[in-house]
Protein backbone atom coordinates (compact mmCIF):
# COMPACT_ATOMS: atom_id res chain seq x y z
CA MET A 1 122.45 39.10 125.60
CA ILE A 2 124.68 42.13 126.16
CA LEU A 3 125.15 42.54 122.41
CA ARG A 4 121.39 42.39 121.81
CA ARG A 5 120.79 45.02 124.51
CA TYR A 6 123.44 47.24 122.95
CA ARG A 7 121.85 46.93 119.52
CA PHE A 8 118.40 47.68 120.96
CA ALA A 9 119.71 50.77 122.78
CA LEU A 10 121.47 51.94 119.63
CA ALA A 11 118.27 51.47 117.62
CA LEU A 12 116.34 53.58 120.15
CA LEU A 13 118.93 56.34 120.00
CA THR A 14 118.88 56.30 116.21
CA ALA A 15 115.09 56.42 116.11
CA GLY A 16 115.10 59.30 118.58
CA ALA A 17 117.60 61.20 116.48
CA LEU A 18 115.47 60.67 113.37
CA CYS A 19 112.35 61.87 115.17
CA SER A 20 114.22 64.92 116.42
CA THR A 21 115.44 65.69 112.89
CA GLN A 22 111.94 65.30 111.48
CA ALA A 23 110.52 67.55 114.20
CA LEU A 24 112.94 70.27 113.17
CA ALA A 25 112.18 70.06 109.45
CA ALA A 26 110.93 73.28 107.89
CA ILE A 27 107.40 73.09 106.46
CA ALA A 28 106.11 74.96 103.42
CA TYR A 29 102.40 75.84 103.44
CA VAL A 30 100.89 76.22 99.96
CA SER A 31 97.42 77.69 99.38
CA ASN A 32 95.40 75.84 96.73
CA GLU A 33 93.02 78.38 95.22
CA LYS A 34 90.60 75.91 93.59
CA ASP A 35 90.65 73.20 96.27
CA ASP A 36 90.05 75.45 99.31
CA SER A 37 92.99 73.81 101.03
CA LEU A 38 96.60 74.08 102.12
CA SER A 39 99.26 71.54 101.13
CA LEU A 40 102.07 71.08 103.66
CA ILE A 41 105.50 70.15 102.26
CA ASP A 42 108.35 68.79 104.38
CA LEU A 43 111.43 70.66 103.13
CA ASP A 44 113.78 67.83 104.16
CA THR A 45 112.02 65.12 102.17
CA LEU A 46 110.35 67.47 99.64
CA GLU A 47 107.11 65.52 99.99
CA VAL A 48 103.56 66.58 100.84
CA ILE A 49 102.87 65.46 104.40
CA ASN A 50 99.40 66.89 105.01
CA THR A 51 96.44 68.69 103.42
CA ILE A 52 94.25 71.01 105.48
CA GLU A 53 90.84 72.30 104.43
CA VAL A 54 90.37 76.07 104.81
CA GLY A 55 88.00 78.78 103.56
CA GLN A 56 86.96 79.50 100.01
CA ARG A 57 89.60 80.50 97.47
CA PRO A 58 92.67 80.83 99.71
CA ARG A 59 95.33 83.06 98.17
CA GLY A 60 97.73 85.16 100.25
CA ILE A 61 99.16 83.45 103.36
CA THR A 62 101.67 84.65 105.95
CA PHE A 63 102.88 83.66 109.41
CA SER A 64 102.96 85.66 112.60
CA LYS A 65 106.49 86.57 113.64
CA ASP A 66 106.74 83.65 116.09
CA PHE A 67 105.19 81.23 113.55
CA SER A 68 102.45 80.23 115.98
CA LEU A 69 99.67 81.58 113.74
CA LEU A 70 99.04 81.45 110.01
CA TYR A 71 96.95 84.17 108.36
CA ILE A 72 94.99 83.08 105.27
CA CYS A 73 93.18 85.29 102.75
CA ALA A 74 89.94 83.36 102.19
CA SER A 75 88.99 85.61 99.28
CA ASP A 76 85.53 84.27 98.46
CA ASP A 77 84.58 84.29 102.15
CA ASP A 78 85.61 87.95 102.46
CA THR A 79 87.70 87.22 105.53
CA VAL A 80 91.18 86.49 106.81
CA GLN A 81 91.24 83.19 108.65
CA VAL A 82 93.66 82.66 111.53
CA MET A 83 95.05 79.15 111.96
CA ASP A 84 96.71 77.82 115.08
CA VAL A 85 99.80 76.20 113.55
CA ALA A 86 100.28 73.62 116.30
CA SER A 87 96.79 72.15 115.89
CA GLY A 88 96.13 73.03 112.24
CA LYS A 89 92.75 74.44 113.27
CA ILE A 90 91.13 77.75 112.31
CA VAL A 91 90.72 79.55 115.63
CA HIS A 92 89.08 82.81 114.51
CA GLU A 93 88.62 85.23 111.63
CA LEU A 94 89.60 88.84 111.04
CA PRO A 95 87.43 91.56 109.44
CA SER A 96 89.44 91.85 106.25
CA GLY A 97 87.10 93.80 104.01
CA ALA A 98 85.84 92.44 100.70
CA ASP A 99 87.87 89.98 98.60
CA PRO A 100 91.23 90.00 100.41
CA GLU A 101 93.99 88.84 98.07
CA GLN A 102 97.40 89.81 99.41
CA PHE A 103 98.47 91.25 102.73
CA SER A 104 101.55 92.14 104.73
CA LEU A 105 102.15 91.93 108.47
CA HIS A 106 103.79 94.96 110.08
CA PRO A 107 107.05 94.29 111.97
CA ASP A 108 105.13 95.02 115.19
CA ASN A 109 103.40 91.64 114.61
CA GLN A 110 100.06 93.32 115.22
CA ARG A 111 98.89 95.35 112.23
CA LEU A 112 97.89 93.47 109.09
CA TYR A 113 97.70 95.51 105.86
CA ILE A 114 95.18 93.90 103.48
CA ALA A 115 94.45 94.67 99.82
CA ASN A 116 90.71 94.59 99.07
CA GLU A 117 90.55 94.03 95.32
CA ASP A 118 86.84 94.70 94.81
CA ASP A 119 86.58 97.84 96.97
CA ALA A 120 89.71 99.85 96.01
CA LEU A 121 90.75 99.88 99.65
CA VAL A 122 93.58 98.88 101.93
CA THR A 123 92.19 97.66 105.25
CA VAL A 124 94.37 97.74 108.36
CA VAL A 125 93.40 95.20 111.01
CA ASP A 126 94.66 94.95 114.58
CA THR A 127 95.27 91.22 114.96
CA ASP A 128 95.11 91.38 118.79
CA SER A 129 91.79 93.18 119.14
CA ARG A 130 90.52 91.78 115.80
CA THR A 131 89.23 95.19 114.78
CA VAL A 132 89.65 97.43 111.73
CA VAL A 133 91.84 100.40 112.67
CA ALA A 134 91.90 102.11 109.27
CA GLN A 135 90.76 101.90 105.67
CA ILE A 136 92.70 103.78 103.00
CA ASP A 137 91.33 104.61 99.56
CA VAL A 138 93.72 103.49 96.82
CA GLY A 139 93.52 102.80 93.08
CA VAL A 140 91.31 100.35 91.22
CA GLU A 141 91.89 96.62 91.88
CA PRO A 142 94.49 96.76 94.65
CA GLU A 143 96.48 93.54 95.00
CA GLY A 144 100.13 93.62 96.11
CA MET A 145 101.09 94.69 99.65
CA ALA A 146 104.39 95.15 101.41
CA VAL A 147 105.54 96.87 104.60
CA SER A 148 109.06 98.30 104.79
CA PRO A 149 111.55 96.53 107.08
CA ASP A 150 111.53 99.49 109.47
CA GLY A 151 107.72 99.51 109.49
CA SER A 152 107.42 103.17 108.49
CA VAL A 153 105.62 102.73 105.18
CA ALA A 154 103.26 100.28 103.49
CA VAL A 155 103.02 100.02 99.71
CA ASN A 156 100.04 98.78 97.73
CA THR A 157 99.75 98.05 94.00
CA SER A 158 96.59 98.85 92.06
CA GLU A 159 96.27 96.78 88.91
CA THR A 160 93.94 98.95 86.84
CA THR A 161 95.41 102.28 87.95
CA SER A 162 98.97 101.02 87.31
CA MET A 163 100.28 102.72 90.43
CA LEU A 164 102.07 102.04 93.67
CA HIS A 165 100.45 103.75 96.65
CA TRP A 166 102.67 104.76 99.59
CA ILE A 167 100.97 104.74 103.00
CA ASP A 168 102.41 106.26 106.18
CA THR A 169 101.91 103.54 108.81
CA ALA A 170 101.91 106.05 111.69
CA THR A 171 99.02 108.12 110.32
CA HIS A 172 97.51 105.63 107.82
CA GLU A 173 97.46 108.41 105.24
CA LEU A 174 98.26 108.04 101.55
CA ILE A 175 101.45 110.08 101.10
CA ASP A 176 102.53 109.41 97.51
CA ASN A 177 101.93 107.49 94.29
CA THR A 178 104.40 106.06 91.79
CA GLN A 179 103.33 105.30 88.22
CA VAL A 180 104.61 101.97 86.92
CA ASP A 181 103.83 99.74 83.95
CA GLN A 182 100.47 98.13 83.31
CA ARG A 183 98.87 95.88 85.92
CA PRO A 184 101.31 95.84 88.87
CA ARG A 185 100.85 92.67 90.90
CA HIS A 186 103.53 92.37 93.58
CA VAL A 187 105.97 94.53 95.55
CA GLU A 188 109.03 93.40 97.52
CA PHE A 189 111.41 95.47 99.67
CA SER A 190 115.12 94.74 99.78
CA LYS A 191 116.34 93.57 103.18
CA ASP A 192 117.82 96.99 104.01
CA GLY A 193 114.66 98.76 102.84
CA SER A 194 116.49 101.00 100.37
CA THR A 195 114.82 99.63 97.23
CA LEU A 196 111.41 98.34 96.26
CA TRP A 197 110.86 95.91 93.40
CA ALA A 198 107.47 96.01 91.65
CA SER A 199 106.23 93.60 88.99
CA ALA A 200 103.92 94.69 86.16
CA GLU A 201 102.08 91.69 84.73
CA ILE A 202 100.76 93.14 81.46
CA GLY A 203 103.61 95.60 81.08
CA GLY A 204 106.00 92.65 81.22
CA THR A 205 108.46 94.55 83.41
CA VAL A 206 109.83 94.90 86.92
CA SER A 207 110.54 98.40 88.24
CA VAL A 208 113.31 98.87 90.79
CA ILE A 209 112.41 101.92 92.89
CA ASP A 210 114.52 104.05 95.21
CA VAL A 211 112.54 104.18 98.44
CA ALA A 212 113.92 107.53 99.61
CA SER A 213 112.86 109.37 96.44
CA ARG A 214 110.10 106.93 95.39
CA GLU A 215 111.43 107.16 91.86
CA ILE A 216 112.18 104.33 89.43
CA ARG A 217 115.91 103.59 89.20
CA HIS A 218 115.78 100.77 86.67
CA THR A 219 113.27 98.86 84.56
CA LEU A 220 113.82 95.18 83.84
CA ARG A 221 112.49 93.33 80.79
CA PHE A 222 112.58 89.61 80.15
CA PRO A 223 112.97 88.51 76.51
CA ILE A 224 113.01 84.70 76.41
CA ARG A 225 113.93 82.93 73.19
CA GLY A 226 111.01 80.97 71.77
CA ILE A 227 108.39 82.55 74.03
CA HIS A 228 106.01 85.24 72.80
CA PRO A 229 106.39 88.51 74.75
CA ASP A 230 102.68 88.46 75.66
CA LYS A 231 103.30 85.37 77.78
CA VAL A 232 106.01 87.07 79.85
CA GLN A 233 103.93 88.31 82.78
CA PRO A 234 105.97 89.05 85.92
CA VAL A 235 104.20 88.39 89.20
CA GLY A 236 105.99 87.21 92.36
CA ILE A 237 109.45 88.47 93.36
CA LYS A 238 111.90 87.30 96.02
CA LEU A 239 115.26 88.85 96.91
CA THR A 240 118.07 87.02 98.68
CA ASP A 241 119.10 88.55 102.00
CA ASP A 242 122.72 88.80 100.87
CA GLY A 243 121.69 91.18 98.07
CA ARG A 244 122.98 88.83 95.37
CA TYR A 245 119.92 87.68 93.46
CA ALA A 246 116.39 88.70 92.62
CA PHE A 247 114.06 85.96 91.40
CA VAL A 248 111.02 86.89 89.32
CA ALA A 249 108.09 84.58 88.53
CA LEU A 250 107.08 85.11 84.89
CA GLY A 251 103.55 83.66 84.93
CA PRO A 252 102.48 81.84 81.74
CA ALA A 253 106.04 82.05 80.39
CA ASN A 254 106.62 79.15 82.83
CA HIS A 255 110.04 80.45 83.83
CA VAL A 256 111.67 82.14 86.81
CA ALA A 257 114.13 84.89 85.89
CA VAL A 258 117.38 85.05 87.85
CA VAL A 259 118.57 88.67 88.15
CA ASP A 260 121.81 90.09 89.51
CA ALA A 261 120.35 92.40 92.14
CA ASN A 262 123.24 94.85 91.86
CA SER A 263 123.82 95.15 88.11
CA PHE A 264 120.19 94.32 87.19
CA GLU A 265 121.46 91.88 84.54
CA VAL A 266 119.20 88.91 83.83
CA LEU A 267 121.52 85.94 84.40
CA ASP A 268 119.28 83.02 83.52
CA TYR A 269 115.76 81.72 83.02
CA LEU A 270 114.76 78.56 84.89
CA LEU A 271 111.97 76.41 83.45
CA VAL A 272 109.40 75.52 86.11
CA GLY A 273 105.71 74.52 86.10
CA ARG A 274 102.85 76.16 84.20
CA ARG A 275 101.78 79.70 85.20
CA VAL A 276 104.33 80.28 87.92
CA TRP A 277 102.80 82.72 90.37
CA HIS A 278 104.53 83.25 93.72
CA LEU A 279 107.86 82.37 95.32
CA GLU A 280 109.26 81.65 98.76
CA PHE A 281 112.63 80.64 100.22
CA SER A 282 113.48 77.88 102.63
CA PRO A 283 114.71 79.33 105.98
CA ASP A 284 118.39 79.21 104.95
CA GLN A 285 117.57 80.42 101.42
CA SER A 286 119.22 77.38 99.88
CA LEU A 287 115.93 76.48 98.17
CA LEU A 288 113.36 78.58 96.34
CA LEU A 289 109.81 77.25 95.98
CA THR A 290 107.47 78.30 93.18
CA SER A 291 103.67 77.93 93.04
CA ASN A 292 102.65 76.80 89.55
CA GLY A 293 98.91 77.34 89.17
CA MET A 294 98.06 75.60 85.92
CA SER A 295 100.19 72.51 86.49
CA GLY A 296 99.14 72.19 90.14
CA ASP A 297 102.63 71.75 91.50
CA VAL A 298 105.51 73.40 93.31
CA SER A 299 108.96 73.56 91.72
CA VAL A 300 112.02 73.45 93.98
CA ILE A 301 115.03 75.49 92.84
CA ASP A 302 118.54 74.98 94.23
CA VAL A 303 119.64 78.59 94.80
CA ASP A 304 123.39 77.89 94.89
CA ASN A 305 123.39 75.96 91.61
CA LEU A 306 120.44 77.77 89.99
CA LYS A 307 118.90 74.44 88.99
CA VAL A 308 115.39 73.04 89.40
CA ARG A 309 115.65 70.01 91.67
CA LYS A 310 112.12 68.68 91.76
CA SER A 311 108.42 69.30 91.13
CA ILE A 312 105.96 68.42 93.90
CA LYS A 313 102.29 67.81 93.12
CA VAL A 314 99.92 69.77 95.37
CA GLY A 315 96.28 70.86 94.98
CA ARG A 316 94.54 72.71 92.16
CA TYR A 317 95.84 76.18 91.36
CA PRO A 318 98.51 76.65 94.04
CA TRP A 319 98.80 80.38 94.75
CA GLY A 320 100.64 81.49 97.90
CA ILE A 321 103.57 79.97 99.80
CA ALA A 322 104.70 80.56 103.38
CA VAL A 323 107.48 78.65 105.14
CA LYS A 324 107.72 77.75 108.83
CA PRO A 325 111.25 76.99 110.11
């Protein structure tokens, strides 16, 4: 009897420990552009654990700083939806302007900078009052958005104008433009804010820009044996916090480029799913997730070994990825 009680108690403790571990698992949220849904991936098991219906054509997604809210660009609904993460329910919407595609949340956790592709505007929304505080005229077909780590400047890419637009976040005035290669899609600041990396989809390049001077320091190209140059279309970029690597999604080339972030040497090309679009790290940056639109899956890259571990089937045309610790 005593032995049975001991085994029962041990089983309860073990079950409790497992539940605790599962509760702490990081979750990746993936926006499925064609299914109007989010796929949720447990980053311990690397399995889809839930699918949540959202607005039409979800693309950019990002969390509030405390991870209690998820902001979703519902592009065909011309709104940014706000999801309560605990319940998985849409609790309200923000006046995003027309066709929001990408956005960036200011470090103050309040101002959301939104690219309005159809209106050549950047809309700034106060997420507390749910009001538009500014609209800034930019180039044709704005898409990429990033706010510097110190919050002093926001940068937008305009695809047709082939420019980066620098916005003073204190005054919401356009203060400078940087010409880059054709069809810039994404911008990413280094952790210390000293450099900005900008992808040019049709140009086939990534420009590394000195933030202080706003001038291009280096231009990266990505020749891949056996793949026509027209298929090399850089889109998403992620930089490791330790300054070691830059990862670049190369679109229909179906590869992620691994770049030495100091020497700018391309170290490797990792084969992933079809039309790799955007990238996101796990909280400890041991894993890198890729959204592969045409193959409808997410590839999982082991960052230490620079190897693809697994592909996870999600919805149709996965686009954005955001990770909750």
